[in-house]
Amino acid sequence: MIVIFAASALVQWRLRSKFRQYSEVGLRNGMSGREVAEHML
C-alpha cells in the first residue's frame, strides 16, 4: 500500500506536469477542445 501510494503521487504529479507542458503547445490547426469534441462526435 505504501509503495502504491508513492507511485500514485508520482503519477499524479507527472500527469499534471505533462498536462501543463502540452497545454502550452498550440495545436497547429487552431481547433479548441470544444471544436475537436464536436468534430469527432
PDB file of all heavy atoms in Angstrom:
ATOM      1  N   MET A   1       0.829  -1.208   0.000  1.00  0.00           N
ATOM      2  CA  MET A   1       0.000   0.000   0.000  1.00  0.00           C
ATOM      3  C   MET A   1       0.864   1.258   0.000  1.00  0.00           C
ATOM      4  O   MET A   1       0.557   2.230  -0.698  1.00  0.00           O
ATOM      5  CB  MET A   1      -0.930   0.000   1.216  1.00  0.00           C
ATOM      6  CG  MET A   1      -2.064  -1.016   1.121  1.00  0.00           C
ATOM      7  SD  MET A   1      -3.042  -1.098   2.643  1.00  0.00           S
ATOM      8  CE  MET A   1      -3.738   0.558   2.689  1.00  0.00           C
ATOM      9  N   ILE A   2       1.943   1.238   0.772  1.00  0.00           N
ATOM     10  CA  ILE A   2       2.845   2.394   0.831  1.00  0.00           C
ATOM     11  C   ILE A   2       3.505   2.634  -0.524  1.00  0.00           C
ATOM     12  O   ILE A   2       3.602   3.766  -1.005  1.00  0.00           O
ATOM     13  CB  ILE A   2       3.912   2.194   1.921  1.00  0.00           C
ATOM     14  CG1 ILE A   2       3.254   2.180   3.306  1.00  0.00           C
ATOM     15  CG2 ILE A   2       4.973   3.286   1.854  1.00  0.00           C
ATOM     16  CD1 ILE A   2       4.192   1.828   4.436  1.00  0.00           C
ATOM     17  N   VAL A   3       3.960   1.539  -1.140  1.00  0.00           N
ATOM     18  CA  VAL A   3       4.613   1.639  -2.448  1.00  0.00           C
ATOM     19  C   VAL A   3       3.637   2.196  -3.483  1.00  0.00           C
ATOM     20  O   VAL A   3       3.981   3.089  -4.275  1.00  0.00           O
ATOM     21  CB  VAL A   3       5.152   0.262  -2.896  1.00  0.00           C
ATOM     22  CG1 VAL A   3       5.607   0.323  -4.354  1.00  0.00           C
ATOM     23  CG2 VAL A   3       6.281  -0.184  -1.998  1.00  0.00           C
ATOM     24  N   ILE A   4       2.409   1.692  -3.479  1.00  0.00           N
ATOM     25  CA  ILE A   4       1.411   2.141  -4.455  1.00  0.00           C
ATOM     26  C   ILE A   4       1.003   3.582  -4.193  1.00  0.00           C
ATOM     27  O   ILE A   4       0.779   4.359  -5.123  1.00  0.00           O
ATOM     28  CB  ILE A   4       0.188   1.207  -4.431  1.00  0.00           C
ATOM     29  CG1 ILE A   4       0.576  -0.173  -4.978  1.00  0.00           C
ATOM     30  CG2 ILE A   4      -0.962   1.790  -5.248  1.00  0.00           C
ATOM     31  CD1 ILE A   4      -0.524  -1.193  -4.912  1.00  0.00           C
ATOM     32  N   PHE A   5       0.921   3.973  -2.910  1.00  0.00           N
ATOM     33  CA  PHE A   5       0.612   5.366  -2.580  1.00  0.00           C
ATOM     34  C   PHE A   5       1.684   6.296  -3.143  1.00  0.00           C
ATOM     35  O   PHE A   5       1.374   7.354  -3.715  1.00  0.00           O
ATOM     36  CB  PHE A   5       0.511   5.543  -1.064  1.00  0.00           C
ATOM     37  CG  PHE A   5       0.271   6.961  -0.633  1.00  0.00           C
ATOM     38  CD1 PHE A   5      -0.997   7.520  -0.690  1.00  0.00           C
ATOM     39  CD2 PHE A   5       1.318   7.752  -0.180  1.00  0.00           C
ATOM     40  CE1 PHE A   5      -1.218   8.839  -0.312  1.00  0.00           C
ATOM     41  CE2 PHE A   5       1.109   9.075   0.203  1.00  0.00           C
ATOM     42  CZ  PHE A   5      -0.163   9.613   0.142  1.00  0.00           C
ATOM     43  N   ALA A   6       2.949   5.893  -2.989  1.00  0.00           N
ATOM     44  CA  ALA A   6       4.054   6.699  -3.524  1.00  0.00           C
ATOM     45  C   ALA A   6       3.987   6.755  -5.048  1.00  0.00           C
ATOM     46  O   ALA A   6       4.191   7.806  -5.657  1.00  0.00           O
ATOM     47  CB  ALA A   6       5.394   6.119  -3.071  1.00  0.00           C
ATOM     48  N   ALA A   7       3.680   5.610  -5.659  1.00  0.00           N
ATOM     49  CA  ALA A   7       3.567   5.559  -7.121  1.00  0.00           C
ATOM     50  C   ALA A   7       2.420   6.437  -7.603  1.00  0.00           C
ATOM     51  O   ALA A   7       2.532   7.123  -8.625  1.00  0.00           O
ATOM     52  CB  ALA A   7       3.365   4.119  -7.577  1.00  0.00           C
ATOM     53  N   SER A   8       1.304   6.424  -6.860  1.00  0.00           N
ATOM     54  CA  SER A   8       0.152   7.240  -7.219  1.00  0.00           C
ATOM     55  C   SER A   8       0.499   8.727  -7.185  1.00  0.00           C
ATOM     56  O   SER A   8       0.128   9.482  -8.092  1.00  0.00           O
ATOM     57  CB  SER A   8      -1.003   6.952  -6.259  1.00  0.00           C
ATOM     58  OG  SER A   8      -2.111   7.793  -6.551  1.00  0.00           O
ATOM     59  N   ALA A   9       1.210   9.140  -6.143  1.00  0.00           N
ATOM     60  CA  ALA A   9       1.612  10.547  -6.022  1.00  0.00           C
ATOM     61  C   ALA A   9       2.526  10.940  -7.177  1.00  0.00           C
ATOM     62  O   ALA A   9       2.397  12.035  -7.742  1.00  0.00           O
ATOM     63  CB  ALA A   9       2.319  10.767  -4.682  1.00  0.00           C
ATOM     64  N   LEU A  10       3.435  10.030  -7.547  1.00  0.00           N
ATOM     65  CA  LEU A  10       4.349  10.296  -8.650  1.00  0.00           C
ATOM     66  C   LEU A  10       3.605  10.416  -9.970  1.00  0.00           C
ATOM     67  O   LEU A  10       3.852  11.342 -10.766  1.00  0.00           O
ATOM     68  CB  LEU A  10       5.388   9.181  -8.743  1.00  0.00           C
ATOM     69  CG  LEU A  10       6.382   9.265  -9.914  1.00  0.00           C
ATOM     70  CD1 LEU A  10       7.213  10.539  -9.817  1.00  0.00           C
ATOM     71  CD2 LEU A  10       7.284   8.037  -9.943  1.00  0.00           C
ATOM     72  N   VAL A  11       2.672   9.502 -10.216  1.00  0.00           N
ATOM     73  CA  VAL A  11       1.915   9.516 -11.467  1.00  0.00           C
ATOM     74  C   VAL A  11       1.043  10.774 -11.561  1.00  0.00           C
ATOM     75  O   VAL A  11       0.952  11.405 -12.619  1.00  0.00           O
ATOM     76  CB  VAL A  11       1.043   8.243 -11.588  1.00  0.00           C
ATOM     77  CG1 VAL A  11       0.056   8.376 -12.743  1.00  0.00           C
ATOM     78  CG2 VAL A  11       1.920   7.020 -11.794  1.00  0.00           C
ATOM     79  N   GLN A  12       0.404  11.145 -10.447  1.00  0.00           N
ATOM     80  CA  GLN A  12      -0.427  12.354 -10.450  1.00  0.00           C
ATOM     81  C   GLN A  12       0.416  13.594 -10.732  1.00  0.00           C
ATOM     82  O   GLN A  12       0.004  14.474 -11.502  1.00  0.00           O
ATOM     83  CB  GLN A  12      -1.137  12.494  -9.096  1.00  0.00           C
ATOM     84  CG  GLN A  12      -2.260  11.515  -8.865  1.00  0.00           C
ATOM     85  CD  GLN A  12      -3.497  11.832  -9.684  1.00  0.00           C
ATOM     86  OE1 GLN A  12      -3.616  12.914 -10.270  1.00  0.00           O
ATOM     87  NE2 GLN A  12      -4.427  10.892  -9.742  1.00  0.00           N
ATOM     88  N   TRP A  13       1.589  13.647 -10.117  1.00  0.00           N
ATOM     89  CA  TRP A  13       2.491  14.786 -10.357  1.00  0.00           C
ATOM     90  C   TRP A  13       2.930  14.826 -11.804  1.00  0.00           C
ATOM     91  O   TRP A  13       2.941  15.881 -12.452  1.00  0.00           O
ATOM     92  CB  TRP A  13       3.713  14.678  -9.444  1.00  0.00           C
ATOM     93  CG  TRP A  13       4.778  15.683  -9.799  1.00  0.00           C
ATOM     94  CD1 TRP A  13       4.832  16.997  -9.458  1.00  0.00           C
ATOM     95  CD2 TRP A  13       5.949  15.429 -10.608  1.00  0.00           C
ATOM     96  NE1 TRP A  13       5.949  17.586  -9.990  1.00  0.00           N
ATOM     97  CE2 TRP A  13       6.651  16.653 -10.692  1.00  0.00           C
ATOM     98  CE3 TRP A  13       6.462  14.298 -11.233  1.00  0.00           C
ATOM     99  CZ2 TRP A  13       7.848  16.768 -11.412  1.00  0.00           C
ATOM    100  CZ3 TRP A  13       7.650  14.409 -11.946  1.00  0.00           C
ATOM    101  CH2 TRP A  13       8.335  15.627 -12.032  1.00  0.00           C
ATOM    102  N   ARG A  14       3.270  13.646 -12.354  1.00  0.00           N
ATOM    103  CA  ARG A  14       3.725  13.568 -13.741  1.00  0.00           C
ATOM    104  C   ARG A  14       2.600  13.942 -14.710  1.00  0.00           C
ATOM    105  O   ARG A  14       2.838  14.633 -15.711  1.00  0.00           O
ATOM    106  CB  ARG A  14       4.212  12.138 -14.033  1.00  0.00           C
ATOM    107  CG  ARG A  14       4.977  11.998 -15.337  1.00  0.00           C
ATOM    108  CD  ARG A  14       6.235  12.803 -15.327  1.00  0.00           C
ATOM    109  NE  ARG A  14       7.033  12.547 -16.518  1.00  0.00           N
ATOM    110  CZ  ARG A  14       8.031  13.307 -16.916  1.00  0.00           C
ATOM    111  NH1 ARG A  14       8.344  14.404 -16.225  1.00  0.00           N
ATOM    112  NH2 ARG A  14       8.722  13.001 -18.008  1.00  0.00           N
ATOM    113  N   LEU A  15       1.368  13.508 -14.408  1.00  0.00           N
ATOM    114  CA  LEU A  15       0.231  13.834 -15.262  1.00  0.00           C
ATOM    115  C   LEU A  15       0.014  15.343 -15.317  1.00  0.00           C
ATOM    116  O   LEU A  15      -0.157  15.919 -16.393  1.00  0.00           O
ATOM    117  CB  LEU A  15      -1.031  13.142 -14.755  1.00  0.00           C
ATOM    118  CG  LEU A  15      -2.350  13.557 -15.424  1.00  0.00           C
ATOM    119  CD1 LEU A  15      -2.311  13.250 -16.922  1.00  0.00           C
ATOM    120  CD2 LEU A  15      -3.530  12.878 -14.751  1.00  0.00           C
ATOM    121  N   ARG A  16       0.022  15.981 -14.157  1.00  0.00           N
ATOM    122  CA  ARG A  16      -0.188  17.432 -14.112  1.00  0.00           C
ATOM    123  C   ARG A  16       0.951  18.169 -14.818  1.00  0.00           C
ATOM    124  O   ARG A  16       0.730  19.182 -15.489  1.00  0.00           O
ATOM    125  CB  ARG A  16      -0.323  17.905 -12.669  1.00  0.00           C
ATOM    126  CG  ARG A  16      -1.601  17.399 -12.002  1.00  0.00           C
ATOM    127  CD  ARG A  16      -1.748  17.892 -10.578  1.00  0.00           C
ATOM    128  NE  ARG A  16      -2.955  17.370  -9.971  1.00  0.00           N
ATOM    129  CZ  ARG A  16      -4.171  17.887 -10.131  1.00  0.00           C
ATOM    130  NH1 ARG A  16      -4.321  18.968 -10.883  1.00  0.00           N
ATOM    131  NH2 ARG A  16      -5.212  17.341  -9.548  1.00  0.00           N
ATOM    132  N   SER A  17       2.163  17.639 -14.657  1.00  0.00           N
ATOM    133  CA  SER A  17       3.317  18.242 -15.320  1.00  0.00           C
ATOM    134  C   SER A  17       3.181  18.139 -16.835  1.00  0.00           C
ATOM    135  O   SER A  17       3.412  19.114 -17.566  1.00  0.00           O
ATOM    136  CB  SER A  17       4.601  17.544 -14.858  1.00  0.00           C
ATOM    137  OG  SER A  17       5.728  18.015 -15.570  1.00  0.00           O
ATOM    138  N   LYS A  18       2.798  16.955 -17.325  1.00  0.00           N
ATOM    139  CA  LYS A  18       2.626  16.759 -18.764  1.00  0.00           C
ATOM    140  C   LYS A  18       1.484  17.622 -19.299  1.00  0.00           C
ATOM    141  O   LYS A  18       1.580  18.190 -20.401  1.00  0.00           O
ATOM    142  CB  LYS A  18       2.344  15.283 -19.052  1.00  0.00           C
ATOM    143  CG  LYS A  18       3.535  14.367 -18.853  1.00  0.00           C
ATOM    144  CD  LYS A  18       4.580  14.578 -19.937  1.00  0.00           C
ATOM    145  CE  LYS A  18       5.707  13.581 -19.817  1.00  0.00           C
ATOM    146  NZ  LYS A  18       6.722  13.769 -20.894  1.00  0.00           N
ATOM    147  N   PHE A  19       0.394  17.699 -18.532  1.00  0.00           N
ATOM    148  CA  PHE A  19      -0.754  18.485 -18.978  1.00  0.00           C
ATOM    149  C   PHE A  19      -0.374  19.956 -19.103  1.00  0.00           C
ATOM    150  O   PHE A  19      -0.741  20.621 -20.075  1.00  0.00           O
ATOM    151  CB  PHE A  19      -1.915  18.320 -18.004  1.00  0.00           C
ATOM    152  CG  PHE A  19      -3.189  18.966 -18.479  1.00  0.00           C
ATOM    153  CD1 PHE A  19      -4.007  18.335 -19.403  1.00  0.00           C
ATOM    154  CD2 PHE A  19      -3.572  20.221 -18.021  1.00  0.00           C
ATOM    155  CE1 PHE A  19      -5.171  18.930 -19.862  1.00  0.00           C
ATOM    156  CE2 PHE A  19      -4.720  20.825 -18.472  1.00  0.00           C
ATOM    157  CZ  PHE A  19      -5.530  20.175 -19.395  1.00  0.00           C
ATOM    158  N   ARG A  20       0.382  20.467 -18.109  1.00  0.00           N
ATOM    159  CA  ARG A  20       0.838  21.862 -18.181  1.00  0.00           C
ATOM    160  C   ARG A  20       1.749  22.064 -19.397  1.00  0.00           C
ATOM    161  O   ARG A  20       1.638  23.063 -20.114  1.00  0.00           O
ATOM    162  CB  ARG A  20       1.576  22.250 -16.903  1.00  0.00           C
ATOM    163  CG  ARG A  20       0.670  22.523 -15.716  1.00  0.00           C
ATOM    164  CD  ARG A  20       1.430  23.236 -14.617  1.00  0.00           C
ATOM    165  NE  ARG A  20       2.555  22.432 -14.137  1.00  0.00           N
ATOM    166  CZ  ARG A  20       2.485  21.559 -13.141  1.00  0.00           C
ATOM    167  NH1 ARG A  20       1.325  21.382 -12.501  1.00  0.00           N
ATOM    168  NH2 ARG A  20       3.542  20.883 -12.760  1.00  0.00           N
ATOM    169  N   GLN A  21       2.648  21.104 -19.605  1.00  0.00           N
ATOM    170  CA  GLN A  21       3.591  21.208 -20.717  1.00  0.00           C
ATOM    171  C   GLN A  21       2.880  21.234 -22.066  1.00  0.00           C
ATOM    172  O   GLN A  21       3.130  22.114 -22.899  1.00  0.00           O
ATOM    173  CB  GLN A  21       4.559  20.021 -20.671  1.00  0.00           C
ATOM    174  CG  GLN A  21       5.548  19.991 -21.831  1.00  0.00           C
ATOM    175  CD  GLN A  21       6.406  18.730 -21.819  1.00  0.00           C
ATOM    176  OE1 GLN A  21       6.436  17.983 -20.841  1.00  0.00           O
ATOM    177  NE2 GLN A  21       7.119  18.488 -22.916  1.00  0.00           N
ATOM    178  N   TYR A  22       1.961  20.309 -22.277  1.00  0.00           N
ATOM    179  CA  TYR A  22       1.281  20.213 -23.564  1.00  0.00           C
ATOM    180  C   TYR A  22       0.166  21.242 -23.708  1.00  0.00           C
ATOM    181  O   TYR A  22      -0.318  21.478 -24.819  1.00  0.00           O
ATOM    182  CB  TYR A  22       0.752  18.803 -23.778  1.00  0.00           C
ATOM    183  CG  TYR A  22       1.853  17.752 -23.801  1.00  0.00           C
ATOM    184  CD1 TYR A  22       1.666  16.496 -23.228  1.00  0.00           C
ATOM    185  CD2 TYR A  22       3.093  18.031 -24.374  1.00  0.00           C
ATOM    186  CE1 TYR A  22       2.680  15.543 -23.233  1.00  0.00           C
ATOM    187  CE2 TYR A  22       4.112  17.092 -24.385  1.00  0.00           C
ATOM    188  CZ  TYR A  22       3.898  15.847 -23.814  1.00  0.00           C
ATOM    189  OH  TYR A  22       4.910  14.917 -23.826  1.00  0.00           O
ATOM    190  N   SER A  23      -0.241  21.847 -22.603  1.00  0.00           N
ATOM    191  CA  SER A  23      -1.234  22.926 -22.665  1.00  0.00           C
ATOM    192  C   SER A  23      -0.610  24.193 -23.236  1.00  0.00           C
ATOM    193  O   SER A  23      -1.324  25.104 -23.674  1.00  0.00           O
ATOM    194  CB  SER A  23      -1.806  23.213 -21.275  1.00  0.00           C
ATOM    195  OG  SER A  23      -2.608  22.146 -20.836  1.00  0.00           O
ATOM    196  N   GLU A  24       0.701  24.266 -23.219  1.00  0.00           N
ATOM    197  CA  GLU A  24       1.415  25.427 -23.750  1.00  0.00           C
ATOM    198  C   GLU A  24       1.793  25.253 -25.213  1.00  0.00           C
ATOM    199  O   GLU A  24       2.359  26.155 -25.828  1.00  0.00           O
ATOM    200  CB  GLU A  24       2.666  25.683 -22.903  1.00  0.00           C
ATOM    201  CG  GLU A  24       2.359  26.053 -21.458  1.00  0.00           C
ATOM    202  CD  GLU A  24       3.612  26.175 -20.607  1.00  0.00           C
ATOM    203  OE1 GLU A  24       4.712  25.928 -21.152  1.00  0.00           O
ATOM    204  OE2 GLU A  24       3.496  26.502 -19.415  1.00  0.00           O
ATOM    205  N   VAL A  25       1.500  24.060 -25.768  1.00  0.00           N
ATOM    206  CA  VAL A  25       1.796  23.789 -27.175  1.00  0.00           C
ATOM    207  C   VAL A  25       0.514  23.950 -27.988  1.00  0.00           C
ATOM    208  O   VAL A  25      -0.424  23.163 -27.838  1.00  0.00           O
ATOM    209  CB  VAL A  25       2.357  22.363 -27.373  1.00  0.00           C
ATOM    210  CG1 VAL A  25       2.640  22.105 -28.848  1.00  0.00           C
ATOM    211  CG2 VAL A  25       3.614  22.163 -26.532  1.00  0.00           C
ATOM    212  N   GLY A  26       0.455  24.959 -28.800  1.00  0.00           N
ATOM    213  CA  GLY A  26      -0.739  25.214 -29.587  1.00  0.00           C
ATOM    214  C   GLY A  26      -0.934  24.187 -30.695  1.00  0.00           C
ATOM    215  O   GLY A  26       0.031  23.785 -31.352  1.00  0.00           O
ATOM    216  N   LEU A  27      -2.165  23.760 -30.871  1.00  0.00           N
ATOM    217  CA  LEU A  27      -2.483  22.831 -31.948  1.00  0.00           C
ATOM    218  C   LEU A  27      -2.360  23.592 -33.273  1.00  0.00           C
ATOM    219  O   LEU A  27      -2.921  24.674 -33.428  1.00  0.00           O
ATOM    220  CB  LEU A  27      -3.919  22.313 -31.762  1.00  0.00           C
ATOM    221  CG  LEU A  27      -4.313  21.038 -32.503  1.00  0.00           C
ATOM    222  CD1 LEU A  27      -3.491  19.846 -32.012  1.00  0.00           C
ATOM    223  CD2 LEU A  27      -5.798  20.754 -32.310  1.00  0.00           C
ATOM    224  N   ARG A  28      -1.655  23.017 -34.213  1.00  0.00           N
ATOM    225  CA  ARG A  28      -1.358  23.736 -35.451  1.00  0.00           C
ATOM    226  C   ARG A  28      -2.615  24.125 -36.222  1.00  0.00           C
ATOM    227  O   ARG A  28      -2.658  25.191 -36.851  1.00  0.00           O
ATOM    228  CB  ARG A  28      -0.427  22.899 -36.333  1.00  0.00           C
ATOM    229  CG  ARG A  28       0.020  23.620 -37.614  1.00  0.00           C
ATOM    230  CD  ARG A  28       1.183  22.929 -38.279  1.00  0.00           C
ATOM    231  NE  ARG A  28       2.367  22.918 -37.421  1.00  0.00           N
ATOM    232  CZ  ARG A  28       3.557  22.412 -37.792  1.00  0.00           C
ATOM    233  NH1 ARG A  28       3.684  21.862 -38.990  1.00  0.00           N
ATOM    234  NH2 ARG A  28       4.585  22.434 -36.969  1.00  0.00           N
ATOM    235  N   ASN A  29      -3.647  23.294 -36.171  1.00  0.00           N
ATOM    236  CA  ASN A  29      -4.869  23.636 -36.920  1.00  0.00           C
ATOM    237  C   ASN A  29      -5.747  24.651 -36.183  1.00  0.00           C
ATOM    238  O   ASN A  29      -6.761  25.097 -36.708  1.00  0.00           O
ATOM    239  CB  ASN A  29      -5.676  22.386 -37.265  1.00  0.00           C
ATOM    240  CG  ASN A  29      -6.275  21.699 -36.036  1.00  0.00           C
ATOM    241  OD1 ASN A  29      -6.296  22.252 -34.939  1.00  0.00           O
ATOM    242  ND2 ASN A  29      -6.769  20.492 -36.222  1.00  0.00           N
ATOM    243  N   GLY A  30      -5.375  24.990 -34.938  1.00  0.00           N
ATOM    244  CA  GLY A  30      -6.069  26.053 -34.206  1.00  0.00           C
ATOM    245  C   GLY A  30      -7.406  25.688 -33.595  1.00  0.00           C
ATOM    246  O   GLY A  30      -8.118  26.563 -33.088  1.00  0.00           O
ATOM    247  N   MET A  31      -7.765  24.396 -33.603  1.00  0.00           N
ATOM    248  CA  MET A  31      -9.063  23.992 -33.048  1.00  0.00           C
ATOM    249  C   MET A  31      -9.041  24.015 -31.523  1.00  0.00           C
ATOM    250  O   MET A  31      -8.029  23.671 -30.895  1.00  0.00           O
ATOM    251  CB  MET A  31      -9.434  22.587 -33.534  1.00  0.00           C
ATOM    252  CG  MET A  31      -9.698  22.499 -35.026  1.00  0.00           C
ATOM    253  SD  MET A  31      -9.989  20.794 -35.585  1.00  0.00           S
ATOM    254  CE  MET A  31     -11.590  20.479 -34.826  1.00  0.00           C
ATOM    255  N   SER A  32     -10.169  24.391 -30.927  1.00  0.00           N
ATOM    256  CA  SER A  32     -10.302  24.365 -29.464  1.00  0.00           C
ATOM    257  C   SER A  32     -10.741  22.972 -29.028  1.00  0.00           C
ATOM    258  O   SER A  32     -11.147  22.144 -29.857  1.00  0.00           O
ATOM    259  CB  SER A  32     -11.336  25.391 -29.004  1.00  0.00           C
ATOM    260  OG  SER A  32     -12.630  25.022 -29.451  1.00  0.00           O
ATOM    261  N   GLY A  33     -10.685  22.719 -27.727  1.00  0.00           N
ATOM    262  CA  GLY A  33     -11.152  21.433 -27.213  1.00  0.00           C
ATOM    263  C   GLY A  33     -12.603  21.183 -27.578  1.00  0.00           C
ATOM    264  O   GLY A  33     -12.979  20.069 -27.949  1.00  0.00           O
ATOM    265  N   ARG A  34     -13.419  22.222 -27.477  1.00  0.00           N
ATOM    266  CA  ARG A  34     -14.845  22.090 -27.837  1.00  0.00           C
ATOM    267  C   ARG A  34     -14.997  21.727 -29.305  1.00  0.00           C
ATOM    268  O   ARG A  34     -15.792  20.830 -29.662  1.00  0.00           O
ATOM    269  CB  ARG A  34     -15.583  23.398 -27.539  1.00  0.00           C
ATOM    270  CG  ARG A  34     -17.048  23.384 -27.996  1.00  0.00           C
ATOM    271  CD  ARG A  34     -17.703  24.738 -27.785  1.00  0.00           C
ATOM    272  NE  ARG A  34     -17.051  25.784 -28.556  1.00  0.00           N
ATOM    273  CZ  ARG A  34     -17.262  26.007 -29.857  1.00  0.00           C
ATOM    274  NH1 ARG A  34     -18.113  25.245 -30.533  1.00  0.00           N
ATOM    275  NH2 ARG A  34     -16.639  26.987 -30.475  1.00  0.00           N
ATOM    276  N   GLU A  35     -14.248  22.384 -30.155  1.00  0.00           N
ATOM    277  CA  GLU A  35     -14.352  22.129 -31.590  1.00  0.00           C
ATOM    278  C   GLU A  35     -13.871  20.727 -31.948  1.00  0.00           C
ATOM    279  O   GLU A  35     -14.471  20.058 -32.807  1.00  0.00           O
ATOM    280  CB  GLU A  35     -13.548  23.183 -32.362  1.00  0.00           C
ATOM    281  CG  GLU A  35     -14.159  24.568 -32.285  1.00  0.00           C
ATOM    282  CD  GLU A  35     -13.229  25.656 -32.794  1.00  0.00           C
ATOM    283  OE1 GLU A  35     -11.996  25.424 -32.827  1.00  0.00           O
ATOM    284  OE2 GLU A  35     -13.728  26.742 -33.146  1.00  0.00           O
ATOM    285  N   VAL A  36     -12.821  20.265 -31.289  1.00  0.00           N
ATOM    286  CA  VAL A  36     -12.325  18.906 -31.517  1.00  0.00           C
ATOM    287  C   VAL A  36     -13.407  17.895 -31.136  1.00  0.00           C
ATOM    288  O   VAL A  36     -13.679  16.944 -31.878  1.00  0.00           O
ATOM    289  CB  VAL A  36     -11.033  18.644 -30.715  1.00  0.00           C
ATOM    290  CG1 VAL A  36     -10.685  17.154 -30.710  1.00  0.00           C
ATOM    291  CG2 VAL A  36      -9.868  19.448 -31.281  1.00  0.00           C
ATOM    292  N   ALA A  37     -14.012  18.115 -29.955  1.00  0.00           N
ATOM    293  CA  ALA A  37     -15.053  17.199 -29.477  1.00  0.00           C
ATOM    294  C   ALA A  37     -16.246  17.179 -30.436  1.00  0.00           C
ATOM    295  O   ALA A  37     -16.741  16.106 -30.802  1.00  0.00           O
ATOM    296  CB  ALA A  37     -15.508  17.608 -28.079  1.00  0.00           C
ATOM    297  N   GLU A  38     -16.700  18.339 -30.838  1.00  0.00           N
ATOM    298  CA  GLU A  38     -17.856  18.406 -31.736  1.00  0.00           C
ATOM    299  C   GLU A  38     -17.543  17.776 -33.091  1.00  0.00           C
ATOM    300  O   GLU A  38     -18.400  17.116 -33.695  1.00  0.00           O
ATOM    301  CB  GLU A  38     -18.291  19.861 -31.901  1.00  0.00           C
ATOM    302  CG  GLU A  38     -18.898  20.459 -30.639  1.00  0.00           C
ATOM    303  CD  GLU A  38     -19.243  21.932 -30.764  1.00  0.00           C
ATOM    304  OE1 GLU A  38     -18.756  22.575 -31.719  1.00  0.00           O
ATOM    305  OE2 GLU A  38     -19.993  22.442 -29.909  1.00  0.00           O
ATOM    306  N   HIS A  39     -16.331  17.970 -33.550  1.00  0.00           N
ATOM    307  CA  HIS A  39     -15.913  17.391 -34.833  1.00  0.00           C
ATOM    308  C   HIS A  39     -15.897  15.865 -34.753  1.00  0.00           C
ATOM    309  O   HIS A  39     -16.376  15.170 -35.669  1.00  0.00           O
ATOM    310  CB  HIS A  39     -14.519  17.927 -35.194  1.00  0.00           C
ATOM    311  CG  HIS A  39     -14.059  17.586 -36.577  1.00  0.00           C
ATOM    312  ND1 HIS A  39     -14.865  17.003 -37.525  1.00  0.00           N
ATOM    313  CD2 HIS A  39     -12.842  17.742 -37.173  1.00  0.00           C
ATOM    314  CE1 HIS A  39     -14.184  16.819 -38.648  1.00  0.00           C
ATOM    315  NE2 HIS A  39     -12.943  17.255 -38.450  1.00  0.00           N
ATOM    316  N   MET A  40     -15.359  15.327 -33.666  1.00  0.00           N
ATOM    317  CA  MET A  40     -15.276  13.871 -33.516  1.00  0.00           C
ATOM    318  C   MET A  40     -16.666  13.258 -33.398  1.00  0.00           C
ATOM    319  O   MET A  40     -16.959  12.226 -34.019  1.00  0.00           O
ATOM    320  CB  MET A  40     -14.436  13.508 -32.291  1.00  0.00           C
ATOM    321  CG  MET A  40     -14.239  12.009 -32.122  1.00  0.00           C
ATOM    322  SD  MET A  40     -13.015  11.628 -30.829  1.00  0.00           S
ATOM    323  CE  MET A  40     -13.130   9.828 -30.772  1.00  0.00           C
ATOM    324  N   LEU A  41     -17.530  13.891 -32.623  1.00  0.00           N
ATOM    325  CA  LEU A  41     -18.903  13.382 -32.488  1.00  0.00           C
ATOM    326  C   LEU A  41     -19.614  13.387 -33.839  1.00  0.00           C
ATOM    327  O   LEU A  41     -20.312  12.424 -34.182  1.00  0.00           O
ATOM    328  CB  LEU A  41     -19.676  14.239 -31.476  1.00  0.00           C
ATOM    329  CG  LEU A  41     -19.225  14.152 -30.013  1.00  0.00           C
ATOM    330  CD1 LEU A  41     -19.975  15.179 -29.166  1.00  0.00           C
ATOM    331  CD2 LEU A  41     -19.438  12.751 -29.455  1.00  0.00           C
TER     332      LEU A  41
END
